[in-house]
C-alpha cells in the first residue's frame, strides 16, 4: 500500500502551483483591463486590497489548512496577493463587461505620439543555445481625448500599415462607455 501522506503532499503542491499561476493571470488580465479604463491605478488596487483585508478573518483557517507555511504573516501576504488579484480582476472586469446602455457613444481621440519598438528574434540552435535571428517590430500610438485636459491618455497597439497611415495631430473615433462602477472604458475596434 502506498503512503497516503506523500500523495496528499503532491496534491497540495500542485494546488499551490495552480494557485500561483491563477494569481499571475488575474493580475495580468486586470492590468490589461486597467489600460483601457479611465481610472487612476490605485483606486481598483485599494478597493481590492480593502475587501481582501475584510475577508481575511473568514479565510484564515482555510489558508492555514491549504498553505503549508507555519508563519501567519506569510499566510496573510499570500492571501492579500491571491484574493486581492482576484478582486482586482473582478472589479475591472465587471466594469468592462457590464456597460450602462445609455452611456455608449463614440468620441474623438487625438493622436499625440507614434512609437515603434524593435525586438530581437532568437532561434534555437542547440539544447540550451539561442542565436539572434533578426528583428521584429511592434507599433503603437498614444491617444488623448479631444477637448480633455491632457491627463486622459491611452496607448493602442496598431499594425504596421495603420502605423504608416497615422499622423500625429489627426483624430480617431473610438467607442467609449461607462461601466458598471461608473468608470469609462475605451473599446478598441
N, C-alpha and C. Protein backbone atom coordinates (compact mmCIF):
# COMPACT_ATOMS: atom_id res chain seq x y z
N UNK A 1 0.84 -1.18 0.00
CA UNK A 1 0.00 0.00 0.00
C UNK A 1 0.89 1.24 0.00
N UNK A 2 0.50 2.21 -0.81
CA UNK A 2 1.30 3.44 -0.92
C UNK A 2 1.08 4.35 0.27
N UNK A 3 2.02 5.23 0.43
CA UNK A 3 1.96 6.20 1.51
C UNK A 3 0.99 7.32 1.12
N UNK A 4 -0.09 7.48 1.85
CA UNK A 4 -1.11 8.47 1.50
C UNK A 4 -0.65 9.89 1.82
N UNK A 5 0.28 10.07 2.76
CA UNK A 5 0.74 11.43 3.07
C UNK A 5 1.58 11.98 1.92
N UNK A 6 2.28 11.12 1.19
CA UNK A 6 3.05 11.58 0.02
C UNK A 6 2.15 12.06 -1.09
N UNK A 7 1.04 11.38 -1.29
CA UNK A 7 0.07 11.78 -2.31
C UNK A 7 -0.58 13.10 -1.92
N UNK A 8 -0.94 13.23 -0.65
CA UNK A 8 -1.54 14.49 -0.19
C UNK A 8 -0.57 15.65 -0.34
N UNK A 9 0.70 15.38 -0.08
CA UNK A 9 1.70 16.43 -0.23
C UNK A 9 1.83 16.85 -1.69
N UNK A 10 1.81 15.90 -2.61
CA UNK A 10 1.90 16.22 -4.03
C UNK A 10 0.68 16.99 -4.51
N UNK A 11 -0.48 16.60 -4.03
CA UNK A 11 -1.71 17.31 -4.41
C UNK A 11 -1.66 18.74 -3.87
N UNK A 12 -1.18 18.90 -2.65
CA UNK A 12 -1.09 20.24 -2.05
C UNK A 12 -0.12 21.12 -2.85
N UNK A 13 1.01 20.57 -3.26
CA UNK A 13 1.99 21.33 -4.04
C UNK A 13 1.42 21.67 -5.41
N UNK A 14 0.70 20.74 -6.02
CA UNK A 14 0.08 21.00 -7.31
C UNK A 14 -0.97 22.11 -7.20
N UNK A 15 -1.76 22.08 -6.13
CA UNK A 15 -2.75 23.13 -5.93
C UNK A 15 -2.10 24.49 -5.69
N UNK A 16 -1.00 24.51 -4.96
CA UNK A 16 -0.29 25.78 -4.74
C UNK A 16 0.28 26.32 -6.04
N UNK A 17 0.83 25.45 -6.88
CA UNK A 17 1.36 25.89 -8.17
C UNK A 17 0.24 26.42 -9.07
N UNK A 18 -0.89 25.72 -9.07
CA UNK A 18 -2.04 26.18 -9.85
C UNK A 18 -2.55 27.52 -9.33
N UNK A 19 -2.56 27.70 -8.01
CA UNK A 19 -2.99 28.96 -7.43
C UNK A 19 -2.03 30.09 -7.81
N UNK A 20 -0.73 29.81 -7.81
CA UNK A 20 0.25 30.84 -8.18
C UNK A 20 0.06 31.27 -9.63
N UNK A 21 -0.17 30.32 -10.51
CA UNK A 21 -0.40 30.66 -11.93
C UNK A 21 -1.69 31.46 -12.07
N UNK A 22 -2.74 31.05 -11.36
CA UNK A 22 -4.01 31.77 -11.43
C UNK A 22 -3.87 33.20 -10.92
N UNK A 23 -3.10 33.39 -9.85
CA UNK A 23 -2.89 34.74 -9.32
C UNK A 23 -2.18 35.62 -10.36
N UNK A 24 -1.16 35.09 -10.99
CA UNK A 24 -0.46 35.86 -12.02
C UNK A 24 -1.37 36.20 -13.20
N UNK A 25 -2.21 35.26 -13.61
CA UNK A 25 -3.14 35.51 -14.71
C UNK A 25 -4.16 36.58 -14.31
N UNK A 26 -4.68 36.51 -13.09
CA UNK A 26 -5.65 37.51 -12.64
C UNK A 26 -5.04 38.91 -12.62
N UNK A 27 -3.83 39.04 -12.07
CA UNK A 27 -3.18 40.36 -12.04
C UNK A 27 -2.89 40.86 -13.45
N UNK A 28 -2.41 39.99 -14.34
CA UNK A 28 -2.09 40.41 -15.71
C UNK A 28 -3.35 40.82 -16.46
N UNK A 29 -4.42 40.06 -16.35
CA UNK A 29 -5.66 40.42 -17.02
C UNK A 29 -6.24 41.72 -16.45
N UNK A 30 -6.10 41.92 -15.16
CA UNK A 30 -6.56 43.17 -14.56
C UNK A 30 -5.77 44.37 -15.06
N UNK A 31 -4.47 44.20 -15.23
CA UNK A 31 -3.64 45.30 -15.74
C UNK A 31 -4.00 45.62 -17.18
N UNK A 32 -4.30 44.60 -17.98
CA UNK A 32 -4.73 44.85 -19.36
C UNK A 32 -6.04 45.63 -19.37
N UNK A 33 -6.99 45.25 -18.52
CA UNK A 33 -8.26 45.99 -18.45
C UNK A 33 -8.06 47.40 -17.89
N UNK A 34 -7.10 47.56 -17.01
CA UNK A 34 -6.81 48.88 -16.45
C UNK A 34 -6.30 49.84 -17.54
N UNK A 35 -5.58 49.30 -18.53
CA UNK A 35 -5.06 50.15 -19.60
C UNK A 35 -6.17 50.68 -20.51
N UNK A 36 -7.34 50.06 -20.49
CA UNK A 36 -8.47 50.51 -21.31
C UNK A 36 -9.48 51.33 -20.51
N UNK A 37 -9.23 51.53 -19.23
CA UNK A 37 -10.20 52.19 -18.36
C UNK A 37 -9.63 53.53 -17.89
N UNK A 38 -10.48 54.55 -17.90
CA UNK A 38 -10.06 55.87 -17.40
C UNK A 38 -10.26 55.91 -15.89
N UNK A 39 -9.29 55.38 -15.17
CA UNK A 39 -9.32 55.38 -13.71
C UNK A 39 -7.86 55.44 -13.24
N UNK A 40 -7.63 56.11 -12.14
CA UNK A 40 -6.29 56.15 -11.56
C UNK A 40 -5.98 54.75 -11.03
N UNK A 41 -4.77 54.26 -11.23
CA UNK A 41 -4.42 52.86 -10.96
C UNK A 41 -4.65 52.45 -9.51
N UNK A 42 -4.48 53.37 -8.58
CA UNK A 42 -4.54 52.96 -7.18
C UNK A 42 -5.97 52.75 -6.68
N UNK A 43 -6.98 53.24 -7.38
CA UNK A 43 -8.36 53.08 -6.92
C UNK A 43 -8.79 51.60 -6.95
N UNK A 44 -8.66 50.88 -8.09
CA UNK A 44 -9.04 49.46 -8.03
C UNK A 44 -8.13 48.62 -7.14
N UNK A 45 -6.85 49.00 -7.05
CA UNK A 45 -5.94 48.28 -6.17
C UNK A 45 -6.35 48.46 -4.71
N UNK A 46 -6.68 49.68 -4.32
CA UNK A 46 -7.09 49.95 -2.94
C UNK A 46 -8.41 49.26 -2.61
N UNK A 47 -9.35 49.27 -3.54
CA UNK A 47 -10.63 48.61 -3.30
C UNK A 47 -10.44 47.11 -3.14
N UNK A 48 -9.65 46.51 -4.02
CA UNK A 48 -9.45 45.05 -3.95
C UNK A 48 -8.69 44.65 -2.68
N UNK A 49 -7.70 45.44 -2.29
CA UNK A 49 -6.97 45.11 -1.06
C UNK A 49 -7.82 45.33 0.19
N UNK A 50 -8.66 46.36 0.17
CA UNK A 50 -9.53 46.61 1.33
C UNK A 50 -10.54 45.47 1.51
N UNK A 51 -11.12 45.01 0.42
CA UNK A 51 -12.08 43.90 0.52
C UNK A 51 -11.37 42.61 0.93
N UNK A 52 -10.14 42.40 0.41
CA UNK A 52 -9.42 41.18 0.81
C UNK A 52 -9.02 41.22 2.29
N UNK A 53 -8.75 42.40 2.83
CA UNK A 53 -8.48 42.51 4.27
C UNK A 53 -9.74 42.21 5.06
N UNK A 54 -10.90 42.64 4.56
CA UNK A 54 -12.15 42.33 5.25
C UNK A 54 -12.48 40.83 5.19
N UNK A 55 -12.05 40.16 4.13
CA UNK A 55 -12.29 38.71 4.01
C UNK A 55 -11.26 37.88 4.76
N UNK A 56 -10.21 38.50 5.25
CA UNK A 56 -9.13 37.77 5.90
C UNK A 56 -9.60 36.93 7.10
N UNK A 57 -10.40 37.44 8.03
CA UNK A 57 -10.82 36.59 9.16
C UNK A 57 -11.64 35.38 8.72
N UNK A 58 -12.38 35.51 7.63
CA UNK A 58 -13.19 34.39 7.16
C UNK A 58 -12.35 33.29 6.51
N UNK A 59 -11.26 33.67 5.86
CA UNK A 59 -10.48 32.71 5.08
C UNK A 59 -9.17 32.29 5.75
N UNK A 60 -8.87 32.80 6.94
CA UNK A 60 -7.58 32.50 7.56
C UNK A 60 -7.47 31.02 7.94
N UNK A 61 -8.53 30.41 8.42
CA UNK A 61 -8.49 28.99 8.77
C UNK A 61 -8.25 28.15 7.51
N UNK A 62 -8.91 28.51 6.41
CA UNK A 62 -8.71 27.81 5.15
C UNK A 62 -7.26 27.95 4.67
N UNK A 63 -6.70 29.15 4.81
CA UNK A 63 -5.32 29.38 4.38
C UNK A 63 -4.35 28.53 5.19
N UNK A 64 -4.57 28.42 6.49
CA UNK A 64 -3.68 27.60 7.32
C UNK A 64 -3.74 26.14 6.91
N UNK A 65 -4.89 25.68 6.43
CA UNK A 65 -5.02 24.28 6.03
C UNK A 65 -4.40 24.03 4.66
N UNK A 66 -4.48 24.99 3.76
CA UNK A 66 -4.02 24.78 2.39
C UNK A 66 -2.54 25.09 2.23
N UNK A 67 -2.09 26.17 2.82
CA UNK A 67 -0.71 26.61 2.62
C UNK A 67 0.16 26.00 3.72
N UNK A 68 1.17 25.22 3.35
CA UNK A 68 1.98 24.54 4.37
C UNK A 68 3.06 25.41 4.98
N UNK A 69 2.72 26.63 5.33
CA UNK A 69 3.66 27.55 5.97
C UNK A 69 3.13 27.82 7.36
N UNK A 70 3.97 27.67 8.35
CA UNK A 70 3.53 27.87 9.73
C UNK A 70 3.45 29.32 10.13
N UNK A 71 3.99 30.21 9.34
CA UNK A 71 4.05 31.62 9.68
C UNK A 71 2.77 32.32 9.22
N UNK A 72 2.07 32.98 10.15
CA UNK A 72 0.82 33.66 9.80
C UNK A 72 1.07 34.89 8.94
N UNK A 73 2.21 35.54 9.08
CA UNK A 73 2.50 36.73 8.27
C UNK A 73 2.60 36.34 6.80
N UNK A 74 3.25 35.22 6.51
CA UNK A 74 3.36 34.75 5.14
C UNK A 74 1.98 34.35 4.61
N UNK A 75 1.17 33.70 5.44
CA UNK A 75 -0.19 33.35 5.03
C UNK A 75 -1.02 34.58 4.69
N UNK A 76 -0.89 35.63 5.48
CA UNK A 76 -1.63 36.88 5.22
C UNK A 76 -1.14 37.51 3.91
N UNK A 77 0.16 37.52 3.66
CA UNK A 77 0.68 38.10 2.42
C UNK A 77 0.20 37.30 1.21
N UNK A 78 0.19 35.97 1.31
CA UNK A 78 -0.30 35.15 0.22
C UNK A 78 -1.79 35.41 -0.01
N UNK A 79 -2.54 35.55 1.07
CA UNK A 79 -3.97 35.86 0.96
C UNK A 79 -4.19 37.19 0.27
N UNK A 80 -3.43 38.23 0.67
CA UNK A 80 -3.60 39.55 0.04
C UNK A 80 -3.27 39.51 -1.44
N UNK A 81 -2.22 38.77 -1.81
CA UNK A 81 -1.85 38.68 -3.23
C UNK A 81 -2.89 37.90 -4.01
N UNK A 82 -3.35 36.76 -3.48
CA UNK A 82 -4.27 35.90 -4.22
C UNK A 82 -5.68 36.50 -4.30
N UNK A 83 -6.26 36.81 -3.16
CA UNK A 83 -7.63 37.34 -3.15
C UNK A 83 -7.64 38.77 -3.71
N UNK A 84 -6.59 39.55 -3.43
CA UNK A 84 -6.51 40.89 -4.00
C UNK A 84 -6.44 40.86 -5.51
N UNK A 85 -5.67 39.92 -6.08
CA UNK A 85 -5.60 39.79 -7.54
C UNK A 85 -6.92 39.39 -8.14
N UNK A 86 -7.61 38.45 -7.50
CA UNK A 86 -8.92 38.03 -7.99
C UNK A 86 -9.92 39.18 -7.94
N UNK A 87 -9.93 39.93 -6.85
CA UNK A 87 -10.87 41.05 -6.73
C UNK A 87 -10.50 42.20 -7.67
N UNK A 88 -9.21 42.44 -7.89
CA UNK A 88 -8.77 43.45 -8.85
C UNK A 88 -9.29 43.11 -10.25
N UNK A 89 -9.13 41.83 -10.63
CA UNK A 89 -9.61 41.35 -11.92
C UNK A 89 -11.13 41.47 -12.00
N UNK A 90 -11.85 41.06 -10.97
CA UNK A 90 -13.31 41.12 -10.99
C UNK A 90 -13.83 42.55 -11.01
N UNK A 91 -13.20 43.45 -10.26
CA UNK A 91 -13.64 44.85 -10.23
C UNK A 91 -13.54 45.46 -11.62
N UNK A 92 -12.37 45.34 -12.25
CA UNK A 92 -12.19 45.92 -13.58
C UNK A 92 -12.95 45.13 -14.65
N UNK A 93 -13.06 43.82 -14.48
CA UNK A 93 -13.78 43.00 -15.44
C UNK A 93 -15.27 43.31 -15.44
N UNK A 94 -15.88 43.41 -14.27
CA UNK A 94 -17.30 43.75 -14.22
C UNK A 94 -17.55 45.16 -14.75
N UNK A 95 -16.63 46.09 -14.48
CA UNK A 95 -16.77 47.43 -15.01
C UNK A 95 -16.67 47.41 -16.54
N UNK A 96 -15.83 46.54 -17.10
CA UNK A 96 -15.65 46.47 -18.54
C UNK A 96 -16.77 45.68 -19.21
N UNK A 97 -17.18 44.57 -18.63
CA UNK A 97 -18.12 43.65 -19.28
C UNK A 97 -19.57 44.05 -19.16
N UNK A 98 -19.92 44.88 -18.18
CA UNK A 98 -21.32 45.28 -17.99
C UNK A 98 -21.43 46.79 -18.17
N UNK A 99 -21.62 47.24 -19.42
CA UNK A 99 -21.73 48.69 -19.64
C UNK A 99 -23.13 49.19 -19.34
N UNK A 100 -23.20 50.45 -19.01
CA UNK A 100 -24.50 51.11 -18.90
C UNK A 100 -24.95 51.43 -20.32
N UNK A 101 -26.10 50.94 -20.71
CA UNK A 101 -26.52 51.03 -22.12
C UNK A 101 -26.76 52.47 -22.57
N UNK A 102 -27.11 53.34 -21.66
CA UNK A 102 -27.37 54.72 -22.04
C UNK A 102 -26.09 55.54 -22.21
N UNK A 103 -24.95 54.97 -21.91
CA UNK A 103 -23.71 55.75 -21.95
C UNK A 103 -22.80 55.41 -23.13
N UNK A 104 -23.20 54.50 -24.01
CA UNK A 104 -22.35 54.10 -25.13
C UNK A 104 -22.37 55.19 -26.19
N UNK A 105 -21.20 55.70 -26.53
CA UNK A 105 -21.09 56.75 -27.54
C UNK A 105 -19.69 56.71 -28.16
N UNK A 106 -19.54 57.35 -29.32
CA UNK A 106 -18.24 57.46 -29.98
C UNK A 106 -17.62 58.81 -29.63
N UNK A 107 -16.30 58.80 -29.43
CA UNK A 107 -15.58 60.03 -29.11
C UNK A 107 -14.37 60.17 -30.00
N UNK A 108 -13.96 61.41 -30.15
CA UNK A 108 -12.76 61.72 -30.93
C UNK A 108 -11.55 61.70 -30.01
N UNK A 109 -10.50 61.02 -30.44
CA UNK A 109 -9.23 60.99 -29.73
C UNK A 109 -8.15 61.51 -30.67
N UNK A 110 -7.29 62.37 -30.15
CA UNK A 110 -6.21 62.95 -30.94
C UNK A 110 -4.95 62.10 -30.78
N UNK A 111 -4.28 61.86 -31.90
CA UNK A 111 -3.03 61.11 -31.87
C UNK A 111 -1.93 62.06 -31.42
N UNK A 112 -1.33 61.79 -30.26
CA UNK A 112 -0.31 62.70 -29.74
C UNK A 112 1.11 62.18 -29.97
N UNK A 113 1.24 60.87 -30.21
CA UNK A 113 2.58 60.31 -30.38
C UNK A 113 2.49 58.98 -31.11
N UNK A 114 3.55 58.67 -31.86
CA UNK A 114 3.69 57.36 -32.50
C UNK A 114 5.00 56.77 -31.99
N UNK A 115 5.01 55.46 -31.79
CA UNK A 115 6.25 54.83 -31.35
C UNK A 115 6.36 53.46 -31.96
N UNK A 116 7.60 53.06 -32.19
CA UNK A 116 7.88 51.70 -32.68
C UNK A 116 9.01 51.14 -31.83
N UNK A 117 8.92 49.84 -31.57
CA UNK A 117 9.94 49.18 -30.76
C UNK A 117 10.51 48.01 -31.53
N UNK A 118 11.82 47.86 -31.44
CA UNK A 118 12.50 46.75 -32.10
C UNK A 118 12.75 45.65 -31.08
N UNK A 119 12.34 44.43 -31.43
CA UNK A 119 12.52 43.26 -30.58
C UNK A 119 13.41 42.27 -31.31
N UNK A 120 14.40 41.75 -30.62
CA UNK A 120 15.29 40.76 -31.21
C UNK A 120 14.60 39.41 -31.23
N UNK A 121 14.66 38.77 -32.39
CA UNK A 121 14.09 37.42 -32.54
C UNK A 121 15.22 36.42 -32.42
N UNK A 122 14.99 35.32 -31.73
CA UNK A 122 16.01 34.31 -31.50
C UNK A 122 15.58 32.99 -32.12
N UNK A 123 16.58 32.22 -32.51
CA UNK A 123 16.31 30.86 -32.98
C UNK A 123 17.13 29.90 -32.14
N UNK A 124 16.61 28.71 -32.01
CA UNK A 124 17.26 27.70 -31.18
C UNK A 124 18.22 26.90 -32.05
N UNK A 125 19.48 26.78 -31.61
CA UNK A 125 20.48 26.03 -32.37
C UNK A 125 21.01 24.84 -31.60
N UNK A 126 20.63 24.69 -30.40
CA UNK A 126 21.08 23.56 -29.58
C UNK A 126 20.16 23.42 -28.40
N UNK A 127 20.56 22.56 -27.52
CA UNK A 127 19.71 22.28 -26.38
C UNK A 127 19.50 23.52 -25.51
N UNK A 128 20.55 24.23 -25.23
CA UNK A 128 20.44 25.43 -24.40
C UNK A 128 21.11 26.63 -25.07
N UNK A 129 21.09 26.65 -26.40
CA UNK A 129 21.71 27.75 -27.13
C UNK A 129 20.69 28.44 -28.02
N UNK A 130 20.72 29.74 -28.00
CA UNK A 130 19.84 30.54 -28.84
C UNK A 130 20.69 31.62 -29.49
N UNK A 131 20.47 31.83 -30.77
CA UNK A 131 21.19 32.86 -31.51
C UNK A 131 20.21 33.91 -32.01
N UNK A 132 20.67 35.15 -32.06
CA UNK A 132 19.86 36.22 -32.61
C UNK A 132 19.59 35.92 -34.08
N UNK A 133 18.33 36.10 -34.49
CA UNK A 133 17.92 35.74 -35.84
C UNK A 133 17.08 36.86 -36.44
N UNK A 134 17.55 38.07 -36.34
CA UNK A 134 16.83 39.19 -36.93
C UNK A 134 16.00 39.93 -35.90
N UNK A 135 15.11 40.75 -36.42
CA UNK A 135 14.31 41.62 -35.58
C UNK A 135 12.86 41.57 -36.00
N UNK A 136 12.00 41.93 -35.08
CA UNK A 136 10.60 42.18 -35.39
C UNK A 136 10.23 43.51 -34.74
N UNK A 137 9.24 44.14 -35.28
CA UNK A 137 8.85 45.46 -34.82
C UNK A 137 7.43 45.43 -34.28
N UNK A 138 7.18 46.20 -33.24
CA UNK A 138 5.82 46.41 -32.75
C UNK A 138 5.55 47.92 -32.81
N UNK A 139 4.33 48.26 -33.14
CA UNK A 139 3.97 49.66 -33.37
C UNK A 139 2.82 50.06 -32.45
N UNK A 140 2.85 51.32 -32.04
CA UNK A 140 1.79 51.82 -31.18
C UNK A 140 1.60 53.31 -31.37
N UNK A 141 0.45 53.77 -30.92
CA UNK A 141 0.14 55.20 -30.95
C UNK A 141 -0.39 55.60 -29.58
N UNK A 142 -0.16 56.83 -29.23
CA UNK A 142 -0.65 57.40 -27.97
C UNK A 142 -1.82 58.31 -28.32
N UNK A 143 -2.95 58.11 -27.66
CA UNK A 143 -4.17 58.86 -27.94
C UNK A 143 -4.58 59.68 -26.73
N UNK A 144 -5.08 60.90 -27.01
CA UNK A 144 -5.59 61.78 -25.95
C UNK A 144 -6.99 62.21 -26.33
N UNK A 145 -7.85 62.31 -25.34
CA UNK A 145 -9.21 62.76 -25.61
C UNK A 145 -9.21 64.16 -26.18
N UNK A 146 -9.95 64.36 -27.25
CA UNK A 146 -10.10 65.71 -27.78
C UNK A 146 -10.96 66.52 -26.82
N UNK A 147 -10.50 67.68 -26.48
CA UNK A 147 -11.23 68.52 -25.53
C UNK A 147 -10.93 68.18 -24.10
N UNK A 148 -10.09 67.19 -23.86
CA UNK A 148 -9.74 66.83 -22.49
C UNK A 148 -8.62 67.70 -21.98
N UNK A 149 -8.26 67.51 -20.73
CA UNK A 149 -7.20 68.30 -20.13
C UNK A 149 -5.82 67.72 -20.39
N UNK A 150 -5.74 66.62 -21.13
CA UNK A 150 -4.44 66.03 -21.45
C UNK A 150 -4.03 64.91 -20.53
N UNK A 151 -4.74 64.74 -19.42
CA UNK A 151 -4.37 63.68 -18.50
C UNK A 151 -4.99 62.35 -18.88
N UNK A 152 -6.04 62.36 -19.71
CA UNK A 152 -6.70 61.14 -20.11
C UNK A 152 -6.11 60.64 -21.42
N UNK A 153 -5.01 59.91 -21.32
CA UNK A 153 -4.36 59.36 -22.50
C UNK A 153 -4.36 57.84 -22.42
N UNK A 154 -4.35 57.22 -23.57
CA UNK A 154 -4.27 55.76 -23.65
C UNK A 154 -3.31 55.40 -24.78
N UNK A 155 -2.75 54.23 -24.69
CA UNK A 155 -1.90 53.71 -25.74
C UNK A 155 -2.62 52.61 -26.47
N UNK A 156 -2.37 52.47 -27.78
CA UNK A 156 -3.03 51.45 -28.58
C UNK A 156 -2.01 50.82 -29.51
N UNK A 157 -1.98 49.48 -29.54
CA UNK A 157 -1.13 48.77 -30.48
C UNK A 157 -1.80 48.78 -31.84
N UNK A 158 -1.01 49.02 -32.89
CA UNK A 158 -1.55 49.06 -34.25
C UNK A 158 -0.68 48.22 -35.16
N UNK A 159 -1.21 47.91 -36.34
CA UNK A 159 -0.43 47.16 -37.33
C UNK A 159 0.54 48.10 -38.03
N UNK A 160 1.46 47.53 -38.80
CA UNK A 160 2.46 48.34 -39.50
C UNK A 160 1.80 49.26 -40.52
N UNK A 161 0.81 48.77 -41.24
CA UNK A 161 0.12 49.60 -42.22
C UNK A 161 -0.63 50.75 -41.58
N UNK A 162 -1.29 50.47 -40.48
CA UNK A 162 -2.01 51.51 -39.77
C UNK A 162 -1.04 52.53 -39.17
N UNK A 163 0.11 52.07 -38.72
CA UNK A 163 1.13 52.96 -38.18
C UNK A 163 1.63 53.92 -39.26
N UNK A 164 1.86 53.41 -40.47
CA UNK A 164 2.32 54.27 -41.57
C UNK A 164 1.26 55.29 -41.97
N UNK A 165 -0.02 54.91 -41.94
CA UNK A 165 -1.08 55.83 -42.34
C UNK A 165 -1.40 56.88 -41.28
N UNK A 166 -1.05 56.65 -40.03
CA UNK A 166 -1.41 57.54 -38.93
C UNK A 166 -0.42 58.69 -38.84
N UNK A 167 -0.94 59.88 -38.67
CA UNK A 167 -0.12 61.07 -38.49
C UNK A 167 -0.42 61.69 -37.13
N UNK A 168 0.62 62.25 -36.51
CA UNK A 168 0.45 62.93 -35.23
C UNK A 168 -0.40 64.17 -35.46
N UNK A 169 -1.40 64.37 -34.61
CA UNK A 169 -2.30 65.51 -34.73
C UNK A 169 -3.63 65.15 -35.35
N UNK A 170 -3.73 63.98 -35.99
CA UNK A 170 -5.02 63.56 -36.55
C UNK A 170 -5.89 62.98 -35.44
N UNK A 171 -7.14 62.71 -35.77
CA UNK A 171 -8.07 62.18 -34.77
C UNK A 171 -8.54 60.79 -35.17
N UNK A 172 -8.97 60.04 -34.17
CA UNK A 172 -9.56 58.71 -34.34
C UNK A 172 -10.85 58.65 -33.54
N UNK A 173 -11.81 57.93 -34.09
CA UNK A 173 -13.08 57.71 -33.37
C UNK A 173 -13.02 56.36 -32.67
N UNK A 174 -13.23 56.38 -31.36
CA UNK A 174 -13.29 55.16 -30.57
C UNK A 174 -14.57 55.15 -29.75
N UNK A 175 -15.09 53.97 -29.49
CA UNK A 175 -16.30 53.83 -28.69
C UNK A 175 -15.93 53.90 -27.21
N UNK A 176 -16.64 54.72 -26.47
CA UNK A 176 -16.43 54.90 -25.04
C UNK A 176 -17.76 54.63 -24.34
N UNK A 177 -17.69 53.91 -23.23
CA UNK A 177 -18.89 53.67 -22.45
C UNK A 177 -18.55 53.69 -20.97
N UNK A 178 -19.57 53.96 -20.16
CA UNK A 178 -19.42 53.94 -18.72
C UNK A 178 -19.74 52.54 -18.23
N UNK A 179 -18.85 52.00 -17.42
CA UNK A 179 -19.03 50.65 -16.93
C UNK A 179 -19.94 50.57 -15.72
N UNK A 180 -20.02 49.39 -15.16
CA UNK A 180 -20.91 49.11 -14.04
C UNK A 180 -20.61 49.99 -12.83
N UNK A 181 -19.34 50.25 -12.55
CA UNK A 181 -18.95 51.03 -11.37
C UNK A 181 -18.72 52.50 -11.68
N UNK A 182 -19.07 52.95 -12.88
CA UNK A 182 -19.01 54.37 -13.20
C UNK A 182 -17.71 54.84 -13.85
N UNK A 183 -16.80 53.94 -14.14
CA UNK A 183 -15.54 54.33 -14.79
C UNK A 183 -15.66 54.10 -16.29
N UNK A 184 -15.15 55.05 -17.06
CA UNK A 184 -15.27 54.97 -18.51
C UNK A 184 -14.26 53.98 -19.10
N UNK A 185 -14.71 53.23 -20.10
CA UNK A 185 -13.89 52.22 -20.75
C UNK A 185 -13.85 52.53 -22.23
N UNK A 186 -12.66 52.38 -22.84
CA UNK A 186 -12.49 52.58 -24.27
C UNK A 186 -12.52 51.22 -24.93
N UNK A 187 -13.32 51.12 -25.98
CA UNK A 187 -13.43 49.87 -26.73
C UNK A 187 -12.70 50.04 -28.06
N UNK A 188 -11.66 49.23 -28.25
CA UNK A 188 -10.89 49.29 -29.49
C UNK A 188 -11.63 48.53 -30.57
N UNK A 189 -11.62 49.08 -31.79
CA UNK A 189 -12.24 48.39 -32.92
C UNK A 189 -11.22 48.12 -33.97
